[in-house]
């Protein structure tokens, strides 16, 4: 596995925040199996990434501060299900874009979507609320979850998301995420167009 060294404590940030090229090399005895499996998976397929370890981030404002430190925009990752709770979706979209379920439901030709339960999140993605991430798909061996991406992300270069915990963030190119990581999990990605103002799509 790749040996990495921390870049050091980031300027103007709390001393707990450190940036690494690749997987963290400190406090690994405190990491969850789900988080460790993400680093193992990325290292195994040879994808380049950076990891920022930080205090738990729950709000979008906290996530934005973290993303600025890692040099990537903020995104929303939403875990959704249909009314019957038989189909599950992980939606990647810009953080500043409102989410209106009916526009997504119509493009996916499914019943009205809502947020899935924490229990389903833990079962399929091995994550808890506040840490939703496309990297959780490495745990979805049964391919129960469908990855959906808003087309506004297509021009994105660097994508930042949690490695199944909200005390770390990984920066990876969107190309590597969608063309190497996601296919390696056995999933693919469906692109949709969501309106920027919550109104009707053009």
N, C-alpha and C. Protein backbone atom coordinates (compact mmCIF):
# COMPACT_ATOMS: atom_id res chain seq x y z
N UNK A 1 0.82 -1.19 0.00
CA UNK A 1 0.00 0.00 0.00
C UNK A 1 0.86 1.25 0.00
N UNK A 2 0.28 2.33 -0.49
CA UNK A 2 1.01 3.56 -0.62
C UNK A 2 1.37 4.17 0.73
N UNK A 3 2.61 4.58 0.89
CA UNK A 3 3.04 5.29 2.10
C UNK A 3 2.82 6.77 1.86
N UNK A 4 2.24 7.45 2.82
CA UNK A 4 1.97 8.87 2.65
C UNK A 4 2.46 9.65 3.86
N UNK A 5 2.67 10.93 3.64
CA UNK A 5 3.09 11.81 4.72
C UNK A 5 2.14 12.99 4.77
N UNK A 6 1.77 13.43 5.96
CA UNK A 6 0.87 14.56 6.05
C UNK A 6 1.53 15.83 5.56
N UNK A 7 0.75 16.70 4.92
CA UNK A 7 1.25 17.98 4.48
C UNK A 7 1.49 18.90 5.66
N UNK A 8 0.97 18.55 6.81
CA UNK A 8 1.11 19.39 7.98
C UNK A 8 -0.20 20.07 8.31
N UNK A 9 -0.21 20.76 9.40
CA UNK A 9 -1.42 21.44 9.85
C UNK A 9 -1.69 22.62 8.92
N UNK A 10 -2.91 22.73 8.43
CA UNK A 10 -3.26 23.78 7.50
C UNK A 10 -3.31 25.12 8.19
N UNK A 11 -2.88 26.15 7.46
CA UNK A 11 -2.87 27.50 8.01
C UNK A 11 -4.28 27.93 8.42
N UNK A 12 -4.37 28.61 9.56
CA UNK A 12 -5.61 29.17 10.06
C UNK A 12 -6.68 28.12 10.35
N UNK A 13 -6.29 26.89 10.56
CA UNK A 13 -7.25 25.84 10.86
C UNK A 13 -6.88 25.21 12.20
N UNK A 14 -7.86 24.56 12.79
CA UNK A 14 -7.65 23.88 14.06
C UNK A 14 -6.54 22.84 13.95
N UNK A 15 -5.82 22.60 15.03
CA UNK A 15 -4.68 21.68 15.00
C UNK A 15 -5.10 20.24 14.71
N UNK A 16 -6.40 19.94 14.81
CA UNK A 16 -6.86 18.58 14.51
C UNK A 16 -6.96 18.33 13.01
N UNK A 17 -6.89 19.38 12.21
CA UNK A 17 -7.11 19.24 10.77
C UNK A 17 -5.78 19.03 10.06
N UNK A 18 -5.69 17.90 9.35
CA UNK A 18 -4.47 17.57 8.61
C UNK A 18 -4.81 17.03 7.23
N UNK A 19 -3.94 17.35 6.29
CA UNK A 19 -4.13 16.93 4.91
C UNK A 19 -3.07 15.90 4.52
N UNK A 20 -3.50 14.84 3.88
CA UNK A 20 -2.60 13.77 3.47
C UNK A 20 -2.72 13.52 1.97
N UNK A 21 -1.62 13.13 1.36
CA UNK A 21 -1.67 12.58 0.00
C UNK A 21 -2.00 11.11 0.14
N UNK A 22 -3.22 10.72 -0.22
CA UNK A 22 -3.63 9.34 -0.03
C UNK A 22 -4.26 9.13 1.34
N UNK A 23 -4.09 7.94 1.89
CA UNK A 23 -4.73 7.58 3.15
C UNK A 23 -4.04 8.23 4.34
N UNK A 24 -4.77 8.48 5.42
CA UNK A 24 -4.15 9.02 6.64
C UNK A 24 -3.15 8.03 7.22
N UNK A 25 -2.12 8.55 7.85
CA UNK A 25 -1.11 7.69 8.45
C UNK A 25 -1.09 7.78 9.97
N UNK A 26 -2.01 8.55 10.53
CA UNK A 26 -2.08 8.71 11.98
C UNK A 26 -3.46 8.34 12.50
N UNK A 27 -3.52 7.94 13.77
CA UNK A 27 -4.77 7.61 14.47
C UNK A 27 -5.59 6.53 13.74
N UNK A 28 -4.92 5.64 13.05
CA UNK A 28 -5.66 4.63 12.30
C UNK A 28 -6.37 3.62 13.19
N UNK A 29 -5.96 3.52 14.46
CA UNK A 29 -6.66 2.62 15.38
C UNK A 29 -8.04 3.16 15.75
N UNK A 30 -8.30 4.43 15.44
CA UNK A 30 -9.60 5.03 15.76
C UNK A 30 -10.55 5.02 14.56
N UNK A 31 -10.11 4.54 13.43
CA UNK A 31 -10.93 4.59 12.23
C UNK A 31 -11.88 3.39 12.16
N UNK A 32 -13.07 3.63 11.63
CA UNK A 32 -14.06 2.57 11.52
C UNK A 32 -13.67 1.62 10.38
N UNK A 33 -14.15 0.38 10.43
CA UNK A 33 -13.89 -0.54 9.32
C UNK A 33 -14.39 0.00 7.99
N UNK A 34 -15.56 0.68 7.98
CA UNK A 34 -16.11 1.22 6.73
C UNK A 34 -15.18 2.26 6.12
N UNK A 35 -14.59 3.12 6.97
CA UNK A 35 -13.66 4.13 6.48
C UNK A 35 -12.39 3.48 5.96
N UNK A 36 -11.83 2.56 6.72
CA UNK A 36 -10.60 1.89 6.31
C UNK A 36 -10.78 1.15 5.00
N UNK A 37 -11.95 0.54 4.80
CA UNK A 37 -12.22 -0.18 3.56
C UNK A 37 -12.22 0.75 2.36
N UNK A 38 -12.64 2.01 2.56
CA UNK A 38 -12.59 2.98 1.46
C UNK A 38 -11.15 3.22 1.02
N UNK A 39 -10.26 3.46 1.98
CA UNK A 39 -8.86 3.69 1.63
C UNK A 39 -8.25 2.45 0.98
N UNK A 40 -8.57 1.28 1.51
CA UNK A 40 -8.06 0.03 0.93
C UNK A 40 -8.53 -0.11 -0.52
N UNK A 41 -9.78 0.19 -0.75
CA UNK A 41 -10.37 0.06 -2.09
C UNK A 41 -9.69 1.01 -3.07
N UNK A 42 -9.56 2.29 -2.69
CA UNK A 42 -8.94 3.28 -3.58
C UNK A 42 -7.48 2.94 -3.86
N UNK A 43 -6.77 2.47 -2.84
CA UNK A 43 -5.37 2.09 -3.04
C UNK A 43 -5.26 0.87 -3.96
N UNK A 44 -6.19 -0.06 -3.79
CA UNK A 44 -6.14 -1.29 -4.58
C UNK A 44 -6.34 -1.02 -6.07
N UNK A 45 -7.21 -0.06 -6.42
CA UNK A 45 -7.43 0.21 -7.84
C UNK A 45 -6.51 1.31 -8.37
N UNK A 46 -5.66 1.84 -7.50
CA UNK A 46 -4.62 2.77 -7.95
C UNK A 46 -5.10 4.17 -8.28
N UNK A 47 -6.13 4.64 -7.59
CA UNK A 47 -6.66 5.99 -7.83
C UNK A 47 -5.94 6.99 -6.92
N UNK A 48 -5.58 8.13 -7.47
CA UNK A 48 -4.95 9.18 -6.68
C UNK A 48 -6.02 9.97 -5.93
N UNK A 49 -5.75 10.30 -4.67
CA UNK A 49 -6.69 11.09 -3.89
C UNK A 49 -5.96 11.76 -2.74
N UNK A 50 -6.60 12.76 -2.16
CA UNK A 50 -6.11 13.41 -0.95
C UNK A 50 -7.15 13.25 0.14
N UNK A 51 -6.70 13.17 1.38
CA UNK A 51 -7.60 13.02 2.51
C UNK A 51 -7.39 14.14 3.52
N UNK A 52 -8.46 14.78 3.91
CA UNK A 52 -8.42 15.80 4.95
C UNK A 52 -9.12 15.24 6.17
N UNK A 53 -8.40 15.09 7.28
CA UNK A 53 -8.99 14.66 8.54
C UNK A 53 -9.35 15.89 9.35
N UNK A 54 -10.55 15.92 9.90
CA UNK A 54 -11.06 17.14 10.54
C UNK A 54 -12.11 16.80 11.58
N UNK A 55 -12.48 17.75 12.43
CA UNK A 55 -13.58 17.51 13.36
C UNK A 55 -14.85 17.19 12.59
N UNK A 56 -15.78 16.51 13.22
CA UNK A 56 -17.01 16.12 12.55
C UNK A 56 -17.72 17.32 11.94
N UNK A 57 -18.13 17.14 10.68
CA UNK A 57 -18.84 18.19 9.96
C UNK A 57 -20.27 17.73 9.74
N UNK A 58 -21.25 18.49 10.26
CA UNK A 58 -22.65 18.11 10.14
C UNK A 58 -23.44 19.06 9.25
N UNK A 59 -23.16 20.37 9.37
CA UNK A 59 -23.92 21.35 8.60
C UNK A 59 -23.22 21.65 7.28
N UNK A 60 -23.97 22.25 6.33
CA UNK A 60 -23.38 22.63 5.05
C UNK A 60 -22.29 23.68 5.26
N UNK A 61 -22.47 24.55 6.28
CA UNK A 61 -21.45 25.57 6.55
C UNK A 61 -20.15 24.92 7.01
N UNK A 62 -20.27 23.90 7.87
CA UNK A 62 -19.07 23.20 8.33
C UNK A 62 -18.41 22.45 7.17
N UNK A 63 -19.24 21.86 6.32
CA UNK A 63 -18.70 21.16 5.15
C UNK A 63 -18.00 22.13 4.22
N UNK A 64 -18.56 23.33 4.07
CA UNK A 64 -17.95 24.32 3.18
C UNK A 64 -16.57 24.72 3.69
N UNK A 65 -16.42 24.90 5.01
CA UNK A 65 -15.13 25.25 5.58
C UNK A 65 -14.11 24.15 5.31
N UNK A 66 -14.56 22.91 5.43
CA UNK A 66 -13.69 21.77 5.17
C UNK A 66 -13.29 21.72 3.70
N UNK A 67 -14.27 21.91 2.82
CA UNK A 67 -13.99 21.84 1.40
C UNK A 67 -13.02 22.93 0.94
N UNK A 68 -13.12 24.12 1.56
CA UNK A 68 -12.17 25.18 1.24
C UNK A 68 -10.76 24.76 1.61
N UNK A 69 -10.64 24.05 2.72
CA UNK A 69 -9.33 23.58 3.16
C UNK A 69 -8.75 22.54 2.22
N UNK A 70 -9.63 21.75 1.61
CA UNK A 70 -9.15 20.69 0.73
C UNK A 70 -9.11 21.14 -0.74
N UNK A 71 -9.67 22.33 -1.01
CA UNK A 71 -9.58 22.89 -2.35
C UNK A 71 -10.59 22.35 -3.33
N UNK A 72 -11.78 21.99 -2.85
CA UNK A 72 -12.82 21.46 -3.73
C UNK A 72 -14.17 22.09 -3.36
N UNK A 73 -15.08 22.23 -4.33
CA UNK A 73 -16.39 22.80 -4.05
C UNK A 73 -17.21 21.90 -3.11
N UNK A 74 -18.29 22.47 -2.60
CA UNK A 74 -19.19 21.73 -1.73
C UNK A 74 -20.28 21.09 -2.58
N UNK A 75 -20.64 19.85 -2.27
CA UNK A 75 -21.70 19.15 -2.98
C UNK A 75 -22.66 18.54 -1.97
N UNK A 76 -23.89 18.27 -2.44
CA UNK A 76 -24.85 17.52 -1.65
C UNK A 76 -24.83 16.08 -2.13
N UNK A 77 -24.89 15.16 -1.18
CA UNK A 77 -25.07 13.75 -1.49
C UNK A 77 -26.29 13.29 -0.70
N UNK A 78 -27.38 12.97 -1.40
CA UNK A 78 -28.64 12.65 -0.75
C UNK A 78 -29.00 11.18 -0.98
N UNK A 79 -29.42 10.51 0.09
CA UNK A 79 -29.82 9.11 0.01
C UNK A 79 -31.33 9.05 0.02
N UNK A 80 -31.91 8.55 -1.06
CA UNK A 80 -33.34 8.63 -1.30
C UNK A 80 -33.95 7.25 -1.55
N UNK A 81 -35.27 7.18 -1.40
CA UNK A 81 -35.99 5.95 -1.70
C UNK A 81 -37.36 6.29 -2.28
N UNK A 82 -37.96 5.32 -2.97
CA UNK A 82 -39.31 5.52 -3.50
C UNK A 82 -40.34 5.30 -2.39
N UNK A 83 -41.59 5.54 -2.73
CA UNK A 83 -42.65 5.45 -1.72
C UNK A 83 -42.75 4.06 -1.11
N UNK A 84 -42.51 3.04 -1.94
CA UNK A 84 -42.61 1.67 -1.46
C UNK A 84 -41.37 1.20 -0.71
N UNK A 85 -40.33 2.02 -0.72
CA UNK A 85 -39.05 1.69 -0.10
C UNK A 85 -38.48 0.38 -0.66
N UNK A 86 -38.61 0.24 -1.98
CA UNK A 86 -38.05 -0.92 -2.67
C UNK A 86 -36.84 -0.55 -3.52
N UNK A 87 -36.74 0.72 -3.89
CA UNK A 87 -35.62 1.20 -4.70
C UNK A 87 -34.92 2.33 -3.96
N UNK A 88 -33.59 2.36 -4.11
CA UNK A 88 -32.80 3.36 -3.38
C UNK A 88 -31.87 4.09 -4.35
N UNK A 89 -31.65 5.37 -4.06
CA UNK A 89 -30.88 6.23 -4.95
C UNK A 89 -29.92 7.09 -4.14
N UNK A 90 -28.74 7.30 -4.69
CA UNK A 90 -27.78 8.24 -4.09
C UNK A 90 -27.60 9.36 -5.10
N UNK A 91 -28.05 10.55 -4.75
CA UNK A 91 -28.03 11.70 -5.64
C UNK A 91 -26.86 12.61 -5.32
N UNK A 92 -26.03 12.90 -6.33
CA UNK A 92 -24.95 13.88 -6.22
C UNK A 92 -25.40 15.15 -6.92
N UNK A 93 -25.32 16.29 -6.23
CA UNK A 93 -25.76 17.55 -6.83
C UNK A 93 -25.04 18.73 -6.18
N UNK A 94 -25.02 19.90 -6.84
CA UNK A 94 -24.38 21.08 -6.25
C UNK A 94 -25.06 21.47 -4.94
N UNK A 95 -24.27 21.96 -4.01
CA UNK A 95 -24.80 22.30 -2.68
C UNK A 95 -25.78 23.46 -2.71
N UNK A 96 -25.59 24.38 -3.67
CA UNK A 96 -26.43 25.58 -3.69
C UNK A 96 -27.69 25.40 -4.53
N UNK A 97 -27.96 24.20 -4.97
CA UNK A 97 -29.13 23.94 -5.81
C UNK A 97 -30.24 23.34 -4.96
N UNK A 98 -31.46 23.88 -5.05
CA UNK A 98 -32.56 23.30 -4.26
C UNK A 98 -32.97 21.94 -4.82
N UNK A 99 -33.36 21.06 -3.93
CA UNK A 99 -33.79 19.74 -4.35
C UNK A 99 -35.30 19.64 -4.29
N UNK A 100 -35.94 19.42 -5.43
CA UNK A 100 -37.38 19.21 -5.51
C UNK A 100 -37.62 17.79 -6.04
N UNK A 101 -38.16 16.97 -5.19
CA UNK A 101 -38.24 15.54 -5.50
C UNK A 101 -39.02 15.23 -6.76
N UNK A 102 -40.07 16.02 -7.10
CA UNK A 102 -40.90 15.65 -8.24
C UNK A 102 -40.15 15.71 -9.57
N UNK A 103 -39.17 16.61 -9.69
CA UNK A 103 -38.43 16.70 -10.94
C UNK A 103 -37.49 15.51 -11.11
N UNK A 104 -36.94 15.04 -10.02
CA UNK A 104 -36.09 13.86 -10.11
C UNK A 104 -36.94 12.61 -10.34
N UNK A 105 -38.03 12.49 -9.63
CA UNK A 105 -38.90 11.33 -9.77
C UNK A 105 -39.38 11.17 -11.20
N UNK A 106 -39.74 12.27 -11.85
CA UNK A 106 -40.25 12.18 -13.21
C UNK A 106 -39.18 11.72 -14.18
N UNK A 107 -37.92 12.14 -13.97
CA UNK A 107 -36.84 11.73 -14.86
C UNK A 107 -36.43 10.27 -14.65
N UNK A 108 -36.65 9.78 -13.44
CA UNK A 108 -36.32 8.39 -13.15
C UNK A 108 -37.51 7.46 -13.35
N UNK A 109 -38.68 8.06 -13.65
CA UNK A 109 -39.91 7.31 -13.86
C UNK A 109 -40.22 6.41 -12.67
N UNK A 110 -40.23 7.02 -11.51
CA UNK A 110 -40.50 6.26 -10.29
C UNK A 110 -41.47 7.05 -9.41
N UNK A 111 -41.98 6.39 -8.40
CA UNK A 111 -42.88 7.06 -7.46
C UNK A 111 -42.14 8.17 -6.73
N UNK A 112 -42.89 9.09 -6.17
CA UNK A 112 -42.32 10.24 -5.46
C UNK A 112 -41.24 9.80 -4.49
N UNK A 113 -40.10 10.45 -4.56
CA UNK A 113 -38.97 10.07 -3.71
C UNK A 113 -38.98 10.83 -2.39
N UNK A 114 -38.40 10.22 -1.39
CA UNK A 114 -38.20 10.87 -0.10
C UNK A 114 -36.88 10.38 0.47
N UNK A 115 -36.48 10.96 1.59
CA UNK A 115 -35.22 10.56 2.20
C UNK A 115 -35.35 9.16 2.79
N UNK A 116 -34.35 8.33 2.52
CA UNK A 116 -34.35 6.96 3.04
C UNK A 116 -33.97 6.96 4.52
N UNK A 117 -34.26 5.87 5.17
CA UNK A 117 -34.02 5.77 6.61
C UNK A 117 -32.54 5.59 6.93
N UNK A 118 -32.19 5.93 8.16
CA UNK A 118 -30.82 5.72 8.62
C UNK A 118 -30.49 4.23 8.65
N UNK A 119 -31.50 3.40 8.88
CA UNK A 119 -31.27 1.95 8.91
C UNK A 119 -30.88 1.43 7.52
N UNK A 120 -31.58 1.90 6.49
CA UNK A 120 -31.24 1.49 5.12
C UNK A 120 -29.88 2.02 4.72
N UNK A 121 -29.57 3.23 5.16
CA UNK A 121 -28.28 3.84 4.88
C UNK A 121 -27.15 2.99 5.46
N UNK A 122 -27.33 2.56 6.70
CA UNK A 122 -26.32 1.73 7.36
C UNK A 122 -26.22 0.37 6.70
N UNK A 123 -27.37 -0.21 6.33
CA UNK A 123 -27.38 -1.55 5.74
C UNK A 123 -26.69 -1.59 4.38
N UNK A 124 -27.01 -0.65 3.50
CA UNK A 124 -26.51 -0.70 2.13
C UNK A 124 -25.16 -0.02 1.94
N UNK A 125 -24.95 1.12 2.62
CA UNK A 125 -23.75 1.93 2.38
C UNK A 125 -22.76 1.94 3.55
N UNK A 126 -23.17 1.38 4.69
CA UNK A 126 -22.32 1.37 5.90
C UNK A 126 -21.97 2.78 6.36
N UNK A 127 -22.94 3.66 6.27
CA UNK A 127 -22.73 5.04 6.70
C UNK A 127 -23.88 5.47 7.59
N UNK A 128 -23.71 6.63 8.24
CA UNK A 128 -24.75 7.19 9.08
C UNK A 128 -25.09 8.58 8.56
N UNK A 129 -26.22 9.15 8.95
CA UNK A 129 -26.58 10.49 8.50
C UNK A 129 -25.45 11.49 8.75
N UNK A 130 -25.22 12.35 7.77
CA UNK A 130 -24.14 13.32 7.88
C UNK A 130 -22.89 12.88 7.16
N UNK A 131 -22.86 11.63 6.69
CA UNK A 131 -21.67 11.12 6.02
C UNK A 131 -22.00 10.47 4.67
N UNK A 132 -23.17 10.81 4.09
CA UNK A 132 -23.58 10.21 2.82
C UNK A 132 -22.54 10.52 1.74
N UNK A 133 -22.16 9.49 0.99
CA UNK A 133 -21.08 9.63 0.02
C UNK A 133 -21.19 8.57 -1.05
N UNK A 134 -20.83 8.90 -2.30
CA UNK A 134 -20.79 7.87 -3.35
C UNK A 134 -19.76 6.78 -3.05
N UNK A 135 -18.80 7.06 -2.17
CA UNK A 135 -17.82 6.05 -1.81
C UNK A 135 -18.45 4.93 -0.98
N UNK A 136 -19.64 5.18 -0.43
CA UNK A 136 -20.35 4.14 0.29
C UNK A 136 -20.80 3.00 -0.62
N UNK A 137 -20.79 3.24 -1.93
CA UNK A 137 -21.20 2.20 -2.88
C UNK A 137 -20.25 1.01 -2.89
N UNK A 138 -19.04 1.18 -2.35
CA UNK A 138 -18.13 0.03 -2.29
C UNK A 138 -18.69 -1.05 -1.36
N UNK A 139 -19.61 -0.66 -0.47
CA UNK A 139 -20.21 -1.61 0.48
C UNK A 139 -21.51 -2.21 -0.05
N UNK A 140 -22.02 -1.67 -1.14
CA UNK A 140 -23.31 -2.11 -1.67
C UNK A 140 -23.10 -3.29 -2.62
N UNK A 141 -22.76 -4.43 -2.04
CA UNK A 141 -22.45 -5.62 -2.84
C UNK A 141 -23.66 -6.13 -3.63
N UNK A 142 -24.85 -5.89 -3.11
CA UNK A 142 -26.05 -6.35 -3.80
C UNK A 142 -26.56 -5.38 -4.84
N UNK A 143 -25.88 -4.24 -5.00
CA UNK A 143 -26.24 -3.21 -5.98
C UNK A 143 -27.69 -2.77 -5.81
N UNK A 144 -28.05 -2.51 -4.58
CA UNK A 144 -29.40 -2.04 -4.28
C UNK A 144 -29.56 -0.55 -4.51
N UNK A 145 -28.43 0.17 -4.54
CA UNK A 145 -28.48 1.63 -4.64
C UNK A 145 -28.05 2.08 -6.03
N UNK A 146 -28.82 2.98 -6.60
CA UNK A 146 -28.53 3.52 -7.94
C UNK A 146 -27.93 4.91 -7.80
N UNK A 147 -26.80 5.15 -8.45
CA UNK A 147 -26.15 6.46 -8.37
C UNK A 147 -26.72 7.39 -9.43
N UNK A 148 -27.09 8.61 -8.98
CA UNK A 148 -27.66 9.63 -9.85
C UNK A 148 -26.81 10.90 -9.71
N UNK A 149 -26.52 11.57 -10.82
CA UNK A 149 -25.72 12.80 -10.77
C UNK A 149 -26.41 13.90 -11.56
N UNK A 150 -26.48 15.08 -10.98
CA UNK A 150 -27.02 16.24 -11.69
C UNK A 150 -26.02 16.69 -12.76
N UNK A 151 -26.53 17.05 -13.94
CA UNK A 151 -25.66 17.40 -15.05
C UNK A 151 -24.79 18.62 -14.79
N UNK A 152 -25.16 19.45 -13.83
CA UNK A 152 -24.33 20.61 -13.50
C UNK A 152 -22.98 20.19 -12.93
N UNK A 153 -22.84 18.93 -12.53
CA UNK A 153 -21.55 18.46 -12.02
C UNK A 153 -20.59 18.07 -13.14
N UNK A 154 -21.10 17.99 -14.37
CA UNK A 154 -20.28 17.48 -15.48
C UNK A 154 -19.01 18.30 -15.70
N UNK A 155 -19.07 19.59 -15.40
CA UNK A 155 -17.91 20.45 -15.60
C UNK A 155 -16.98 20.48 -14.40
N UNK A 156 -17.33 19.73 -13.35
CA UNK A 156 -16.53 19.70 -12.13
C UNK A 156 -15.23 18.94 -12.35
N UNK A 157 -14.15 19.47 -11.84
CA UNK A 157 -12.86 18.77 -11.93
C UNK A 157 -12.64 17.94 -10.68
N UNK A 158 -12.60 18.61 -9.53
CA UNK A 158 -12.32 17.93 -8.27
C UNK A 158 -13.59 17.73 -7.48
N UNK A 159 -13.81 16.51 -7.02
CA UNK A 159 -15.01 16.19 -6.24
C UNK A 159 -14.57 15.80 -4.82
N UNK A 160 -15.24 16.35 -3.81
CA UNK A 160 -14.91 16.03 -2.42
C UNK A 160 -16.09 15.34 -1.76
N UNK A 161 -15.83 14.27 -1.05
CA UNK A 161 -16.88 13.53 -0.36
C UNK A 161 -16.28 12.79 0.83
N UNK A 162 -17.13 12.32 1.71
CA UNK A 162 -16.68 11.62 2.91
C UNK A 162 -16.33 10.15 2.62
N UNK A 163 -15.33 9.62 3.30
CA UNK A 163 -15.03 8.18 3.20
C UNK A 163 -15.86 7.38 4.20
N UNK A 164 -17.18 7.58 4.14
CA UNK A 164 -18.16 6.89 5.01
C UNK A 164 -18.17 7.37 6.46
N UNK A 165 -17.43 8.41 6.77
CA UNK A 165 -17.48 9.06 8.08
C UNK A 165 -17.37 10.57 7.85
N UNK A 166 -17.95 11.36 8.77
CA UNK A 166 -17.90 12.82 8.55
C UNK A 166 -16.75 13.49 9.29
N UNK A 167 -15.74 12.70 9.68
CA UNK A 167 -14.53 13.25 10.29
C UNK A 167 -13.35 13.22 9.31
N UNK A 168 -13.66 12.97 8.04
CA UNK A 168 -12.64 13.01 6.99
C UNK A 168 -13.32 13.32 5.67
N UNK A 169 -12.57 13.90 4.75
CA UNK A 169 -13.08 14.18 3.42
C UNK A 169 -12.01 13.80 2.41
N UNK A 170 -12.45 13.22 1.31
CA UNK A 170 -11.53 12.80 0.25
C UNK A 170 -11.75 13.67 -0.97
N UNK A 171 -10.67 14.15 -1.56
CA UNK A 171 -10.71 14.90 -2.81
C UNK A 171 -10.20 13.99 -3.92
N UNK A 172 -10.99 13.83 -4.96
CA UNK A 172 -10.68 12.94 -6.06
C UNK A 172 -11.22 13.60 -7.33
N UNK A 173 -10.61 13.37 -8.47
CA UNK A 173 -11.17 13.96 -9.68
C UNK A 173 -12.51 13.30 -9.99
N UNK A 174 -13.43 14.08 -10.55
CA UNK A 174 -14.73 13.52 -10.89
C UNK A 174 -14.58 12.43 -11.94
N UNK A 175 -13.61 12.61 -12.85
CA UNK A 175 -13.37 11.59 -13.85
C UNK A 175 -12.97 10.26 -13.22
N UNK A 176 -12.06 10.30 -12.26
CA UNK A 176 -11.65 9.06 -11.59
C UNK A 176 -12.81 8.45 -10.80
N UNK A 177 -13.61 9.31 -10.16
CA UNK A 177 -14.73 8.80 -9.37
C UNK A 177 -15.73 8.06 -10.26
N UNK A 178 -16.12 8.69 -11.38
CA UNK A 178 -17.17 8.11 -12.21
C UNK A 178 -16.68 7.08 -13.21
N UNK A 179 -15.42 7.19 -13.62
CA UNK A 179 -14.91 6.29 -14.66
C UNK A 179 -14.08 5.14 -14.12
N UNK A 180 -13.62 5.25 -12.88
CA UNK A 180 -12.80 4.19 -12.31
C UNK A 180 -13.37 3.63 -11.02
N UNK A 181 -13.68 4.52 -10.07
CA UNK A 181 -14.14 4.05 -8.76
C UNK A 181 -15.52 3.42 -8.85
N UNK A 182 -16.49 4.15 -9.38
CA UNK A 182 -17.86 3.65 -9.42
C UNK A 182 -17.98 2.37 -10.24
N UNK A 183 -17.39 2.28 -11.45
CA UNK A 183 -17.45 1.00 -12.18
C UNK A 183 -16.81 -0.15 -11.40
N UNK A 184 -15.77 0.14 -10.63
CA UNK A 184 -15.10 -0.91 -9.86
C UNK A 184 -15.99 -1.44 -8.74
N UNK A 185 -17.02 -0.69 -8.35
CA UNK A 185 -17.96 -1.15 -7.34
C UNK A 185 -19.09 -1.98 -7.97
N UNK A 186 -19.14 -2.01 -9.31
CA UNK A 186 -20.21 -2.71 -9.99
C UNK A 186 -21.42 -1.84 -10.27
N UNK A 187 -21.30 -0.54 -10.05
CA UNK A 187 -22.39 0.40 -10.29
C UNK A 187 -22.10 1.24 -11.53
N UNK A 188 -23.12 1.97 -11.99
CA UNK A 188 -22.90 2.99 -13.01
C UNK A 188 -23.61 4.26 -12.56
N UNK A 189 -23.59 5.28 -13.39
CA UNK A 189 -24.15 6.58 -13.00
C UNK A 189 -25.18 7.02 -14.03
N UNK A 190 -26.32 7.49 -13.54
CA UNK A 190 -27.37 8.06 -14.39
C UNK A 190 -27.37 9.57 -14.23
N UNK A 191 -27.29 10.29 -15.35
CA UNK A 191 -27.29 11.75 -15.32
C UNK A 191 -28.72 12.28 -15.43
N UNK A 192 -29.03 13.31 -14.64
CA UNK A 192 -30.33 13.96 -14.70
C UNK A 192 -30.12 15.47 -14.74
N UNK A 193 -31.16 16.19 -15.12
CA UNK A 193 -31.10 17.66 -15.15
C UNK A 193 -32.11 18.20 -14.17
N UNK A 194 -31.63 18.82 -13.10
CA UNK A 194 -32.51 19.38 -12.09
C UNK A 194 -32.51 20.91 -12.21
N UNK A 195 -33.68 21.55 -12.09
CA UNK A 195 -33.76 23.00 -12.25
C UNK A 195 -32.97 23.74 -11.17
N UNK A 196 -32.33 24.84 -11.57
CA UNK A 196 -31.48 25.58 -10.65
C UNK A 196 -32.28 26.33 -9.59
N UNK A 197 -33.52 26.70 -9.90
CA UNK A 197 -34.31 27.50 -8.96
C UNK A 197 -35.44 26.73 -8.29
N UNK A 198 -35.46 25.41 -8.54
CA UNK A 198 -36.54 24.62 -7.94
C UNK A 198 -37.79 24.64 -8.78
N UNK A 199 -37.76 25.39 -9.91
CA UNK A 199 -38.93 25.46 -10.78
C UNK A 199 -38.84 24.44 -11.90
N UNK A 200 -39.62 24.66 -12.93
CA UNK A 200 -39.64 23.72 -14.05
C UNK A 200 -38.34 23.75 -14.81
N UNK A 201 -37.88 22.57 -15.26
CA UNK A 201 -36.69 22.48 -16.09
C UNK A 201 -36.99 23.08 -17.44
N UNK A 202 -35.96 23.61 -18.05
CA UNK A 202 -36.11 24.18 -19.39
C UNK A 202 -36.27 23.06 -20.39
